[in-house]
Each structure stands twice: as C-alpha cells, then as structure tokens.
Amino acid sequence: MQALRFERFGLDQLQLADVPTPQPQDHEVLVRVLAAGINPSDVKNLQGMMADSTKPPRIPGRDFAGIIEAGPANCIGEAVWGTGGELGFMRDGTHAEYVVLNAEAVVPVPPKITPEQAAASGLSIVTAWAALFDKAELKGGETVLVIGANGAVGSMASQLAGWAGARVIGVDRSGENRSRADVMVNSSAATFEQDLRSAVGDGVHVAFDTVGDPMFQVAMGALHDDGRMVAITAPKDSEVCFDMLRFYRRNLSLLGLNTLAVDSLE
C-alpha cells in the first residue's frame, strides 16, 4: 500500500512510500481509508515536538473514515470512522491506504455523513466529549465557558454543551460566532475583560481551555464556587500561575486531559 511516512523528524521528512499492508490480529479490523483528518498534533508529531510518544519510522494520522475489509465476519463491508490516541504515535496511523485498529475502536458512520465529514470530526468530538462529560461532568442547566470556541475542539464542545442543555459562553479572537455559543466574547477587543465579566456574571460552573496561556488565567478566574476547569494544552515552558488561595477557598478543580490517552474506544 501507499502511505505518508517519516523516518526522522522534520516537516521536510514526510514522504509518500510503498509499505506492506498491515494485517489484523485477533480482535482487530483492517480499514480501507477513504478519508483522513489532519490535526495540529499530527504536525507537532512530525516536527518532533512529541518525541516522547513517537519513535520513527512512523505513519502519522489519528482520524479516519473508511470501509472494513478484514476482521470479524459481521463487520466486513461496514462504513466506519474513529480516532485513536495511539494512532500515528505509538502505532502507525491513518495517513495511508489501510490502517489496523481494535475492532471496538471503530464506530459506524451515521447516515447522511460523508467520509470526509466523519474523518474531519474524530479527535474534535472525542476530545470535547471527554473534557465536558467524562472530566468536568457537565450537567444540563449549568454554564460552561469555552476558550477557543471557534476552533475545531472548541466548536464541538460548544455544540455538545448546548445539546446537553448547558448555557455556553464562547471566547475567541474573533467576534464571529461559528460555534453556536449562546454568547460570544471577542478576546481581541479592547473591552474584553469588561465583556467577559458581563457574560459570566457570578462565574461559570465549567471552563474548558483549548488555547492555553494567557487564557489559562482567564478561564480559571471565571469559575464560580465549586467550578471545574479542564485543560488540554500548555504554554511553551509548560508552567502557569494562578491564585492558589482563591483556588482552594472556592473549592475549585483543575483537570487535565491527555488526548493521546483517549480514542473512539472510550
């Protein structure tokens, strides 16, 4: 089969190569890839920024949609999609004609959804779901602040939170509301701090930070008593600063979500 593959780190090291078609083992399926997404983490992986998780040579790619061609008899020919925490990092990924996965890690493609649409949604949906419901345990009637609401993960989080009955306040560098948030706050505006205070009032129940520094402090400061904050990114030096006295006196929670540890199997 043909696949995109790198033998050493660097954007100029990605090559189209002929490699053996992988063979599924017990409890695995072979998927013929019809479409594959590209995530920021795929680019960082190629650049060597995630070298602690990846050892070349490697086929990158986390998201996919395709047709099962080998595996359990009842799955053959089924259109599926998904994403994998290990895919493209600890094992070869989806930027190839075929990929092998755990049979339980593929999900049927919903009706009216194209392979391209499914492949572009995998990691964003899984990350947003894990952050809001698995980590923060968001409930209907609560208010959630989504930092980076117009981004892929932020947009999915805003829509999922709305679906769950929560009120959604989005923050993004543009005043444009592509996320369907109930309120959108422009972080580039001169009146940002005032606009945010007006939007959050006494505080939000959940804050989801998809951007990192300097928005980490903004998200943490917007929490109401007993509020929960989920972070999926970090500044370059990996360090942040916040008011510890406020943190424990208000009984706040800070939760990290490693997207390399979540996939459609979850």
C-alpha atoms as a PDB file:
ATOM      1  CA  MET A   1       0.000   0.000   0.000  1.00  0.00           C
ATOM      2  CA  GLN A   2       0.972   3.643  -0.230  1.00  0.00           C
ATOM      3  CA  ALA A   3       1.338   5.754   2.886  1.00  0.00           C
ATOM      4  CA  LEU A   4       2.765   9.031   4.108  1.00  0.00           C
ATOM      5  CA  ARG A   5       5.743   8.118   6.277  1.00  0.00           C
ATOM      6  CA  PHE A   6       8.665   9.779   8.044  1.00  0.00           C
ATOM      7  CA  GLU A   7      11.907   8.127   9.095  1.00  0.00           C
ATOM      8  CA  ARG A   8      13.193  11.108  11.058  1.00  0.00           C
ATOM      9  CA  PHE A   9      11.573  14.233  12.454  1.00  0.00           C
ATOM     10  CA  GLY A  10      11.084  17.344  10.311  1.00  0.00           C
ATOM     11  CA  LEU A  11       8.363  18.699   8.040  1.00  0.00           C
ATOM     12  CA  ASP A  12      10.576  18.033   5.011  1.00  0.00           C
ATOM     13  CA  GLN A  13      10.943  14.370   6.003  1.00  0.00           C
ATOM     14  CA  LEU A  14       7.380  13.325   5.165  1.00  0.00           C
ATOM     15  CA  GLN A  15       7.456  11.070   2.107  1.00  0.00           C
ATOM     16  CA  LEU A  16       4.990   9.024   0.068  1.00  0.00           C
ATOM     17  CA  ALA A  17       6.195   5.439   0.392  1.00  0.00           C
ATOM     18  CA  ASP A  18       5.244   1.893  -0.586  1.00  0.00           C
ATOM     19  CA  VAL A  19       4.916  -0.181   2.579  1.00  0.00           C
ATOM     20  CA  PRO A  20       3.404  -3.602   3.394  1.00  0.00           C
ATOM     21  CA  THR A  21      -0.344  -3.614   4.029  1.00  0.00           C
ATOM     22  CA  PRO A  22      -0.853  -4.279   7.757  1.00  0.00           C
ATOM     23  CA  GLN A  23      -2.624  -7.474   8.782  1.00  0.00           C
ATOM     24  CA  PRO A  24      -5.204  -7.522  11.586  1.00  0.00           C
ATOM     25  CA  GLN A  25      -4.733  -9.813  14.576  1.00  0.00           C
ATOM     26  CA  ASP A  26      -7.448 -11.195  16.842  1.00  0.00           C
ATOM     27  CA  HIS A  27      -9.971  -8.521  17.869  1.00  0.00           C
ATOM     28  CA  GLU A  28      -8.675  -6.143  15.173  1.00  0.00           C
ATOM     29  CA  VAL A  29     -10.037  -4.866  11.866  1.00  0.00           C
ATOM     30  CA  LEU A  30      -8.374  -3.730   8.650  1.00  0.00           C
ATOM     31  CA  VAL A  31      -9.931  -0.495   7.387  1.00  0.00           C
ATOM     32  CA  ARG A  32      -9.525   0.814   3.828  1.00  0.00           C
ATOM     33  CA  VAL A  33      -9.147   4.526   4.448  1.00  0.00           C
ATOM     34  CA  LEU A  34     -11.427   6.748   2.380  1.00  0.00           C
ATOM     35  CA  ALA A  35     -10.619   9.996   4.195  1.00  0.00           C
ATOM     36  CA  ALA A  36      -8.237  11.063   6.951  1.00  0.00           C
ATOM     37  CA  GLY A  37      -8.104  14.253   9.005  1.00  0.00           C
ATOM     38  CA  ILE A  38      -5.077  16.371   9.872  1.00  0.00           C
ATOM     39  CA  ASN A  39      -4.818  17.678  13.428  1.00  0.00           C
ATOM     40  CA  PRO A  40      -2.333  20.145  14.943  1.00  0.00           C
ATOM     41  CA  SER A  41      -0.904  17.221  16.913  1.00  0.00           C
ATOM     42  CA  ASP A  42      -0.099  15.429  13.634  1.00  0.00           C
ATOM     43  CA  VAL A  43       2.063  18.382  12.576  1.00  0.00           C
ATOM     44  CA  LYS A  44       3.718  18.625  16.009  1.00  0.00           C
ATOM     45  CA  ASN A  45       4.385  14.901  15.861  1.00  0.00           C
ATOM     46  CA  LEU A  46       6.175  15.243  12.530  1.00  0.00           C
ATOM     47  CA  GLN A  47       8.192  18.173  13.873  1.00  0.00           C
ATOM     48  CA  GLY A  48       9.456  16.066  16.774  1.00  0.00           C
ATOM     49  CA  MET A  49       7.573  18.015  19.432  1.00  0.00           C
ATOM     50  CA  MET A  50       6.058  14.763  20.767  1.00  0.00           C
ATOM     51  CA  ALA A  51       9.181  12.633  20.540  1.00  0.00           C
ATOM     52  CA  ASP A  52       8.486  11.126  23.967  1.00  0.00           C
ATOM     53  CA  SER A  53       5.480   9.377  22.384  1.00  0.00           C
ATOM     54  CA  THR A  54       6.760   8.665  18.864  1.00  0.00           C
ATOM     55  CA  LYS A  55       9.688   6.702  17.518  1.00  0.00           C
ATOM     56  CA  PRO A  56      10.281   6.891  13.726  1.00  0.00           C
ATOM     57  CA  PRO A  57       9.773   5.390  11.259  1.00  0.00           C
ATOM     58  CA  ARG A  58       6.091   6.186  11.587  1.00  0.00           C
ATOM     59  CA  ILE A  59       2.947   6.723   9.513  1.00  0.00           C
ATOM     60  CA  PRO A  60       1.133   9.732  11.056  1.00  0.00           C
ATOM     61  CA  GLY A  61      -2.590  10.402  11.320  1.00  0.00           C
ATOM     62  CA  ARG A  62      -5.207   9.990  14.038  1.00  0.00           C
ATOM     63  CA  ASP A  63      -8.639  10.496  12.417  1.00  0.00           C
ATOM     64  CA  PHE A  64     -10.170   8.351   9.680  1.00  0.00           C
ATOM     65  CA  ALA A  65     -13.249   7.108   7.877  1.00  0.00           C
ATOM     66  CA  GLY A  66     -13.342   4.040   5.681  1.00  0.00           C
ATOM     67  CA  ILE A  67     -14.607   0.519   4.996  1.00  0.00           C
ATOM     68  CA  ILE A  68     -13.766  -2.610   7.000  1.00  0.00           C
ATOM     69  CA  GLU A  69     -12.144  -5.111   4.655  1.00  0.00           C
ATOM     70  CA  ALA A  70     -10.873  -7.721   7.125  1.00  0.00           C
ATOM     71  CA  GLY A  71     -11.760  -8.756  10.655  1.00  0.00           C
ATOM     72  CA  PRO A  72     -14.831 -10.272  12.339  1.00  0.00           C
ATOM     73  CA  ALA A  73     -17.239 -11.572   9.682  1.00  0.00           C
ATOM     74  CA  ASN A  74     -20.147  -9.452  10.905  1.00  0.00           C
ATOM     75  CA  CYS A  75     -18.127  -6.238  10.322  1.00  0.00           C
ATOM     76  CA  ILE A  76     -16.883  -6.776   6.758  1.00  0.00           C
ATOM     77  CA  GLY A  77     -18.035  -4.034   4.410  1.00  0.00           C
ATOM     78  CA  GLU A  78     -19.236  -1.702   7.166  1.00  0.00           C
ATOM     79  CA  ALA A  79     -18.551   2.027   6.807  1.00  0.00           C
ATOM     80  CA  VAL A  80     -16.820   3.232   9.986  1.00  0.00           C
ATOM     81  CA  TRP A  81     -14.992   6.204  11.447  1.00  0.00           C
ATOM     82  CA  GLY A  82     -12.988   6.987  14.533  1.00  0.00           C
ATOM     83  CA  THR A  83      -9.844   8.351  16.112  1.00  0.00           C
ATOM     84  CA  GLY A  84      -7.074   6.839  18.175  1.00  0.00           C
ATOM     85  CA  GLY A  85      -4.853   8.103  20.948  1.00  0.00           C
ATOM     86  CA  GLU A  86      -2.003   5.799  19.901  1.00  0.00           C
ATOM     87  CA  LEU A  87      -2.589   6.128  16.157  1.00  0.00           C
ATOM     88  CA  GLY A  88       0.246   7.975  14.448  1.00  0.00           C
ATOM     89  CA  PHE A  89       2.305   7.926  17.650  1.00  0.00           C
ATOM     90  CA  MET A  90       2.828   4.515  19.272  1.00  0.00           C
ATOM     91  CA  ARG A  91       1.499   2.695  16.201  1.00  0.00           C
ATOM     92  CA  ASP A  92       1.147   3.537  12.508  1.00  0.00           C
ATOM     93  CA  GLY A  93      -1.685   5.922  11.763  1.00  0.00           C
ATOM     94  CA  THR A  94      -4.316   6.780   9.224  1.00  0.00           C
ATOM     95  CA  HIS A  95      -2.427   8.707   6.522  1.00  0.00           C
ATOM     96  CA  ALA A  96      -2.285   5.558   4.442  1.00  0.00           C
ATOM     97  CA  GLU A  97      -4.474   3.413   2.216  1.00  0.00           C
ATOM     98  CA  TYR A  98      -5.112   0.986   5.082  1.00  0.00           C
ATOM     99  CA  VAL A  99      -4.976   1.041   8.864  1.00  0.00           C
ATOM    100  CA  VAL A 100      -5.398  -1.662  11.519  1.00  0.00           C
ATOM    101  CA  LEU A 101      -7.383  -0.899  14.687  1.00  0.00           C
ATOM    102  CA  ASN A 102      -9.014  -2.551  17.668  1.00  0.00           C
ATOM    103  CA  ALA A 103     -12.412  -3.799  16.468  1.00  0.00           C
ATOM    104  CA  GLU A 104     -14.091  -1.935  19.331  1.00  0.00           C
ATOM    105  CA  ALA A 105     -12.445   1.365  18.365  1.00  0.00           C
ATOM    106  CA  VAL A 106     -14.435   1.862  15.165  1.00  0.00           C
ATOM    107  CA  VAL A 107     -17.896   3.399  15.043  1.00  0.00           C
ATOM    108  CA  PRO A 108     -20.481   3.130  12.223  1.00  0.00           C
ATOM    109  CA  VAL A 109     -20.682   6.282  10.099  1.00  0.00           C
ATOM    110  CA  PRO A 110     -24.062   7.962  10.747  1.00  0.00           C
ATOM    111  CA  PRO A 111     -26.493   8.264   7.819  1.00  0.00           C
ATOM    112  CA  LYS A 112     -26.047  11.350   5.625  1.00  0.00           C
ATOM    113  CA  ILE A 113     -22.475  11.882   6.883  1.00  0.00           C
ATOM    114  CA  THR A 114     -19.778  11.707   4.200  1.00  0.00           C
ATOM    115  CA  PRO A 115     -16.404  10.032   4.830  1.00  0.00           C
ATOM    116  CA  GLU A 116     -14.756  13.452   4.622  1.00  0.00           C
ATOM    117  CA  GLN A 117     -17.080  14.886   7.261  1.00  0.00           C
ATOM    118  CA  ALA A 118     -16.581  11.903   9.558  1.00  0.00           C
ATOM    119  CA  ALA A 119     -12.789  11.920   9.201  1.00  0.00           C
ATOM    120  CA  ALA A 120     -12.639  15.639   9.976  1.00  0.00           C
ATOM    121  CA  SER A 121     -14.578  15.213  13.232  1.00  0.00           C
ATOM    122  CA  GLY A 122     -12.970  12.337  15.113  1.00  0.00           C
ATOM    123  CA  LEU A 123     -10.482  13.844  17.530  1.00  0.00           C
ATOM    124  CA  SER A 124     -12.502  17.041  17.987  1.00  0.00           C
ATOM    125  CA  ILE A 125     -15.638  15.204  19.062  1.00  0.00           C
ATOM    126  CA  VAL A 126     -13.884  12.665  21.281  1.00  0.00           C
ATOM    127  CA  THR A 127     -11.786  15.350  22.997  1.00  0.00           C
ATOM    128  CA  ALA A 128     -14.737  17.666  23.569  1.00  0.00           C
ATOM    129  CA  TRP A 129     -16.892  14.836  24.927  1.00  0.00           C
ATOM    130  CA  ALA A 130     -14.162  13.556  27.245  1.00  0.00           C
ATOM    131  CA  ALA A 131     -13.481  17.062  28.561  1.00  0.00           C
ATOM    132  CA  LEU A 132     -17.075  18.090  29.197  1.00  0.00           C
ATOM    133  CA  PHE A 133     -18.718  14.872  30.347  1.00  0.00           C
ATOM    134  CA  ASP A 134     -16.001  12.453  31.467  1.00  0.00           C
ATOM    135  CA  LYS A 135     -13.795  15.026  33.221  1.00  0.00           C
ATOM    136  CA  ALA A 136     -15.975  18.028  34.138  1.00  0.00           C
ATOM    137  CA  GLU A 137     -19.235  16.045  34.435  1.00  0.00           C
ATOM    138  CA  LEU A 138     -21.193  18.894  32.854  1.00  0.00           C
ATOM    139  CA  LYS A 139     -24.924  18.851  33.543  1.00  0.00           C
ATOM    140  CA  GLY A 140     -27.913  20.459  31.909  1.00  0.00           C
ATOM    141  CA  GLY A 141     -28.679  23.896  33.325  1.00  0.00           C
ATOM    142  CA  GLU A 142     -25.030  24.670  34.085  1.00  0.00           C
ATOM    143  CA  THR A 143     -22.947  27.345  32.366  1.00  0.00           C
ATOM    144  CA  VAL A 144     -19.742  26.485  30.515  1.00  0.00           C
ATOM    145  CA  LEU A 145     -17.020  28.825  29.262  1.00  0.00           C
ATOM    146  CA  VAL A 146     -15.225  27.561  26.146  1.00  0.00           C
ATOM    147  CA  ILE A 147     -11.912  29.240  25.376  1.00  0.00           C
ATOM    148  CA  GLY A 148     -11.126  28.974  21.660  1.00  0.00           C
ATOM    149  CA  ALA A 149     -14.764  28.373  20.819  1.00  0.00           C
ATOM    150  CA  ASN A 150     -14.368  28.790  17.055  1.00  0.00           C
ATOM    151  CA  GLY A 151     -11.619  26.169  16.836  1.00  0.00           C
ATOM    152  CA  ALA A 152     -12.264  22.532  15.940  1.00  0.00           C
ATOM    153  CA  VAL A 153     -12.396  21.218  19.527  1.00  0.00           C
ATOM    154  CA  GLY A 154     -13.971  24.373  20.934  1.00  0.00           C
ATOM    155  CA  SER A 155     -16.728  24.389  18.346  1.00  0.00           C
ATOM    156  CA  MET A 156     -17.559  20.755  19.055  1.00  0.00           C
ATOM    157  CA  ALA A 157     -17.545  21.458  22.791  1.00  0.00           C
ATOM    158  CA  SER A 158     -19.914  24.394  22.368  1.00  0.00           C
ATOM    159  CA  GLN A 159     -22.362  22.342  20.331  1.00  0.00           C
ATOM    160  CA  LEU A 160     -22.212  19.315  22.633  1.00  0.00           C
ATOM    161  CA  ALA A 161     -22.723  21.503  25.703  1.00  0.00           C
ATOM    162  CA  GLY A 162     -25.728  23.155  24.077  1.00  0.00           C
ATOM    163  CA  TRP A 163     -27.116  19.737  23.165  1.00  0.00           C
ATOM    164  CA  ALA A 164     -26.772  18.732  26.825  1.00  0.00           C
ATOM    165  CA  GLY A 165     -28.818  21.735  27.954  1.00  0.00           C
ATOM    166  CA  ALA A 166     -25.975  23.927  29.225  1.00  0.00           C
ATOM    167  CA  ARG A 167     -25.572  27.653  28.609  1.00  0.00           C
ATOM    168  CA  VAL A 168     -22.465  28.264  26.513  1.00  0.00           C
ATOM    169  CA  ILE A 169     -20.202  31.313  26.653  1.00  0.00           C
ATOM    170  CA  GLY A 170     -17.567  31.266  23.943  1.00  0.00           C
ATOM    171  CA  VAL A 171     -14.294  33.189  23.802  1.00  0.00           C
ATOM    172  CA  ASP A 172     -12.316  33.608  20.612  1.00  0.00           C
ATOM    173  CA  ARG A 173     -10.052  36.109  18.877  1.00  0.00           C
ATOM    174  CA  SER A 174     -12.894  36.979  16.519  1.00  0.00           C
ATOM    175  CA  GLY A 175     -16.309  38.276  17.424  1.00  0.00           C
ATOM    176  CA  GLU A 176     -17.730  35.921  14.805  1.00  0.00           C
ATOM    177  CA  ASN A 177     -19.776  33.112  16.341  1.00  0.00           C
ATOM    178  CA  ARG A 178     -19.175  29.929  14.339  1.00  0.00           C
ATOM    179  CA  SER A 179     -19.576  27.692  17.378  1.00  0.00           C
ATOM    180  CA  ARG A 180     -23.285  28.280  18.105  1.00  0.00           C
ATOM    181  CA  ALA A 181     -22.414  29.514  21.587  1.00  0.00           C
ATOM    182  CA  ASP A 182     -25.188  31.415  23.362  1.00  0.00           C
ATOM    183  CA  VAL A 183     -22.799  34.332  23.926  1.00  0.00           C
ATOM    184  CA  MET A 184     -19.526  35.028  22.095  1.00  0.00           C
ATOM    185  CA  VAL A 185     -16.855  37.271  23.621  1.00  0.00           C
ATOM    186  CA  ASN A 186     -14.108  38.717  21.417  1.00  0.00           C
ATOM    187  CA  SER A 187     -10.772  38.316  23.220  1.00  0.00           C
ATOM    188  CA  SER A 188      -9.116  40.783  20.823  1.00  0.00           C
ATOM    189  CA  ALA A 189     -11.456  43.606  21.759  1.00  0.00           C
ATOM    190  CA  ALA A 190     -10.212  46.450  23.957  1.00  0.00           C
ATOM    191  CA  THR A 191     -13.216  45.839  26.209  1.00  0.00           C
ATOM    192  CA  PHE A 192     -12.570  42.077  26.565  1.00  0.00           C
ATOM    193  CA  GLU A 193     -12.246  41.962  30.350  1.00  0.00           C
ATOM    194  CA  GLN A 194     -15.398  44.009  30.833  1.00  0.00           C
ATOM    195  CA  ASP A 195     -17.296  41.993  28.213  1.00  0.00           C
ATOM    196  CA  LEU A 196     -16.259  38.720  29.835  1.00  0.00           C
ATOM    197  CA  ARG A 197     -17.277  39.845  33.321  1.00  0.00           C
ATOM    198  CA  SER A 198     -20.653  40.848  31.953  1.00  0.00           C
ATOM    199  CA  ALA A 199     -21.079  37.469  30.241  1.00  0.00           C
ATOM    200  CA  VAL A 200     -20.035  35.215  33.134  1.00  0.00           C
ATOM    201  CA  GLY A 201     -21.692  37.182  35.936  1.00  0.00           C
ATOM    202  CA  ASP A 202     -21.018  35.397  39.233  1.00  0.00           C
ATOM    203  CA  GLY A 203     -18.990  32.747  37.415  1.00  0.00           C
ATOM    204  CA  VAL A 204     -19.327  29.598  35.358  1.00  0.00           C
ATOM    205  CA  HIS A 205     -19.659  26.010  36.503  1.00  0.00           C
ATOM    206  CA  VAL A 206     -17.223  24.656  33.913  1.00  0.00           C
ATOM    207  CA  ALA A 207     -14.370  26.233  31.955  1.00  0.00           C
ATOM    208  CA  PHE A 208     -12.770  24.400  29.032  1.00  0.00           C
ATOM    209  CA  ASP A 209      -9.454  25.852  27.872  1.00  0.00           C
ATOM    210  CA  THR A 210      -8.369  24.728  24.391  1.00  0.00           C
ATOM    211  CA  VAL A 211      -5.867  27.598  23.955  1.00  0.00           C
ATOM    212  CA  GLY A 212      -3.568  27.806  26.990  1.00  0.00           C
ATOM    213  CA  ASP A 213      -1.536  30.741  28.217  1.00  0.00           C
ATOM    214  CA  PRO A 214      -2.578  33.567  28.548  1.00  0.00           C
ATOM    215  CA  MET A 215      -6.161  32.257  28.503  1.00  0.00           C
ATOM    216  CA  PHE A 216      -5.459  29.799  31.331  1.00  0.00           C
ATOM    217  CA  GLN A 217      -5.722  32.567  33.924  1.00  0.00           C
ATOM    218  CA  VAL A 218      -8.825  33.961  32.221  1.00  0.00           C
ATOM    219  CA  ALA A 219     -10.595  30.608  32.392  1.00  0.00           C
ATOM    220  CA  MET A 220      -9.560  29.944  35.981  1.00  0.00           C
ATOM    221  CA  GLY A 221     -10.677  33.399  37.058  1.00  0.00           C
ATOM    222  CA  ALA A 222     -14.132  32.913  35.530  1.00  0.00           C
ATOM    223  CA  LEU A 223     -15.056  29.917  37.707  1.00  0.00           C
ATOM    224  CA  HIS A 224     -17.833  30.065  40.282  1.00  0.00           C
ATOM    225  CA  ASP A 225     -17.506  28.295  43.641  1.00  0.00           C
ATOM    226  CA  ASP A 226     -17.071  24.524  43.103  1.00  0.00           C
ATOM    227  CA  GLY A 227     -16.228  25.208  39.456  1.00  0.00           C
ATOM    228  CA  ARG A 228     -14.317  22.715  37.307  1.00  0.00           C
ATOM    229  CA  MET A 229     -11.735  23.621  34.691  1.00  0.00           C
ATOM    230  CA  VAL A 230     -10.400  21.264  32.011  1.00  0.00           C
ATOM    231  CA  ALA A 231      -7.146  21.997  30.141  1.00  0.00           C
ATOM    232  CA  ILE A 232      -5.820  20.216  27.050  1.00  0.00           C
ATOM    233  CA  THR A 233      -2.829  22.401  26.205  1.00  0.00           C
ATOM    234  CA  ALA A 234       0.097  24.177  27.853  1.00  0.00           C
ATOM    235  CA  PRO A 235       2.381  27.171  27.222  1.00  0.00           C
ATOM    236  CA  LYS A 236       5.831  26.593  25.746  1.00  0.00           C
ATOM    237  CA  ASP A 237       7.539  26.450  29.133  1.00  0.00           C
ATOM    238  CA  SER A 238       4.731  24.228  30.495  1.00  0.00           C
ATOM    239  CA  GLU A 239       4.274  26.493  33.527  1.00  0.00           C
ATOM    240  CA  VAL A 240       1.244  28.525  34.607  1.00  0.00           C
ATOM    241  CA  CYS A 241       0.472  30.811  37.545  1.00  0.00           C
ATOM    242  CA  PHE A 242      -2.826  31.224  39.379  1.00  0.00           C
ATOM    243  CA  ASP A 243      -4.248  32.345  42.710  1.00  0.00           C
ATOM    244  CA  MET A 244      -3.910  29.292  44.969  1.00  0.00           C
ATOM    245  CA  LEU A 245      -5.766  30.936  47.858  1.00  0.00           C
ATOM    246  CA  ARG A 246      -8.810  31.556  45.659  1.00  0.00           C
ATOM    247  CA  PHE A 247      -8.421  28.064  44.187  1.00  0.00           C
ATOM    248  CA  TYR A 248      -8.805  26.132  47.420  1.00  0.00           C
ATOM    249  CA  ARG A 249     -11.110  28.505  49.285  1.00  0.00           C
ATOM    250  CA  ARG A 250     -13.602  28.342  46.436  1.00  0.00           C
ATOM    251  CA  ASN A 251     -13.225  24.570  46.192  1.00  0.00           C
ATOM    252  CA  LEU A 252     -12.216  24.694  42.533  1.00  0.00           C
ATOM    253  CA  SER A 253     -10.999  21.752  40.458  1.00  0.00           C
ATOM    254  CA  LEU A 254      -8.345  21.735  37.722  1.00  0.00           C
ATOM    255  CA  LEU A 255      -8.467  18.708  35.427  1.00  0.00           C
ATOM    256  CA  GLY A 256      -6.020  17.738  32.712  1.00  0.00           C
ATOM    257  CA  LEU A 257      -6.989  15.726  29.648  1.00  0.00           C
ATOM    258  CA  ASN A 258      -4.305  13.916  27.661  1.00  0.00           C
ATOM    259  CA  THR A 259      -5.745  13.443  24.166  1.00  0.00           C
ATOM    260  CA  LEU A 260      -3.148  10.750  23.445  1.00  0.00           C
ATOM    261  CA  ALA A 261      -4.956   8.615  26.005  1.00  0.00           C
ATOM    262  CA  VAL A 262      -8.466   8.925  24.549  1.00  0.00           C
ATOM    263  CA  ASP A 263      -9.936   7.447  21.398  1.00  0.00           C
ATOM    264  CA  SER A 264     -13.245   6.301  19.958  1.00  0.00           C
ATOM    265  CA  LEU A 265     -12.918   3.113  22.059  1.00  0.00           C
ATOM    266  CA  GLU A 266     -13.666   5.252  25.132  1.00  0.00           C
END
